[in-house]
Amino acid sequence: MENREIVFNLFAYIIKVILSSNTTSNEFTRIETSVMVDKVKISLVKILRAKIPQIVDSRGGVKILSTKDLNRKLILDLVMYIREYEHNIECLLLLLHYLDCALEPVYSNSVGICEDIEKIEPLNCNFESIRIAIFPRVRCEWEHKSQGSYYHNSIENFIKYFYFCELDDLKDIEVHNYRISSDVARDAMNKGKLVIGVSPLTCEKILIDSKYKRNDNKYFKIVGLDKKDILRYNLKSIIEKAYNKKVDILVFPEMLGDEKIIKEVQKDISHNAPPIIVWPSVWHAEEDNIGNSNKCIITIQLGAECQEVCKQSKNRCFVDPEQNIEDISKSNPWIVNILHVEGFGRIGILICKDFLDRKNRELLLAKLKTTLILVPSFSTGEYSFDTIIAQGKEFDCNIVWVNSCSAETLPYSKKENFEIIASITNFTKKRMGDAPDNQKFKRKCSRKECSQCLYVNEIPF
């Protein structure tokens, strides 16, 4: 085991001890004042500097560590300090704050620059035993200093460069973390804003379904797509339009994807595509219905190369008004993908019904600390997606939702439910005039120009 892993093991252990203390929010208010602001901090810093001088400079500030500083002496000093002050939450929080700042360059210098896509693992190796996993916190331009009002009066306000997940909160869930090249955010950084585009893609009746019974339940599955030429043309045209409008992230609805068409379009667009695309999800049906799936492909565009990051599966089935159940197989564990992009923070994807599940939203917002959630859907409009997405504000998390006009062709759909076809929030530290926090897009088209249908909103930095 490397010394760096040992130090992060201790970092995680400190968090575990603090969480186990059941410190209340009122106590955190008092502690935050004393540790970070009050004169009490002076005496606490003196203690910390006397015990662990490697991380405290002569003026009481943070002393930055390098890899060579992670030696046996530092490790022993940390262990002794933790043992001595294990029941003193103020001292532990101060140590956590100093370690957070001191260790950031150690991590940054060790991993270097990400050139495309890298899967990342917890920085500590004791995560299975103590049930705490430590990850680097990439910068998010719209995230407030305290990482959202949800974190007020909590341990999160003492940690700036790293964050943690409690593994006991991830029952039947496996999180895959991907570090993405900062190149995908370069244009947004230069513009000083993130430009997000969404498209309903088509108003045509596209889905070919099959309905059947099993064990006294009614099910449906998607067995094919109609009018594929229209889908292919619309996809390519909308992507080109999004590229010309300097869109950074483009999101399409669920259900309307075909892997062959997606690969053809990816080949055709060359470098003329937004940096991040969430493609229409692909419904894959098996003959025996075991392993049926609904997954969307997420890609990044680096130069002329379109690279697949991951596939996000849908886990909660849709049930139509006739009580036909979408026959997708629940995966165990359910894999949740998080994209870490410098400048954008942590991006998660929840497909339609998965987003409507309160526990899933809490998972991404509160547990995985996402700063952007993308929600492709194919909905009859019975659920108020455009209202629910406002919940992201207290977490400093923007949410993007898009529906498809094609869903209106379903026999039980109601035209009035499709007045709002998409919604994009722009919660940010910087306000732009009277721009609303939640931009709801009303459908105003003639239903004849789907190949040019693109809604755009901006999140200023």
Foldseek 3Di string as FASTA:
>chain_A
DALQQLVVQLLQVLVLLLVVVVQDLVNLVVLCCLCPPDPVVVVLLVVVCVLQVCQADPVSHGHADASVNSDPSNSVSSVVQCVVCSVPNSSSLNVSLSCLVNCLVRVDVVVDFDPFKDWDFFSHPCCVPSQKGKDFWFDAAFADQQQFLVCRSHSSNSHRGMDMFRNVLQALEDEIEMEGGLVLCVVCVVVQWAKEKEALQALAQWFDKDWDDDPNAIAMATDGTPPVVSSLLLVLLQQLVCLVVQHQEYEYAEDRDDVVSVVVSLLVCFQRGHQKYWAHWHFDADPVLVATWTWIWIWGHDHRDIGTHDIATAAAWDADPVRHTHSHDHDGSHYWYWYAHRHRTIETEYEDVCCVDPSSVCCVQPRVLHQEYEYHYADLLPDPPLVVQVVNQRSNHKYWYFYHSNSCPPPPHDPVSQQFGIKTAQNGPDDDPPDDRIDTDGDDDPSPPSSNGMDMDMHGD
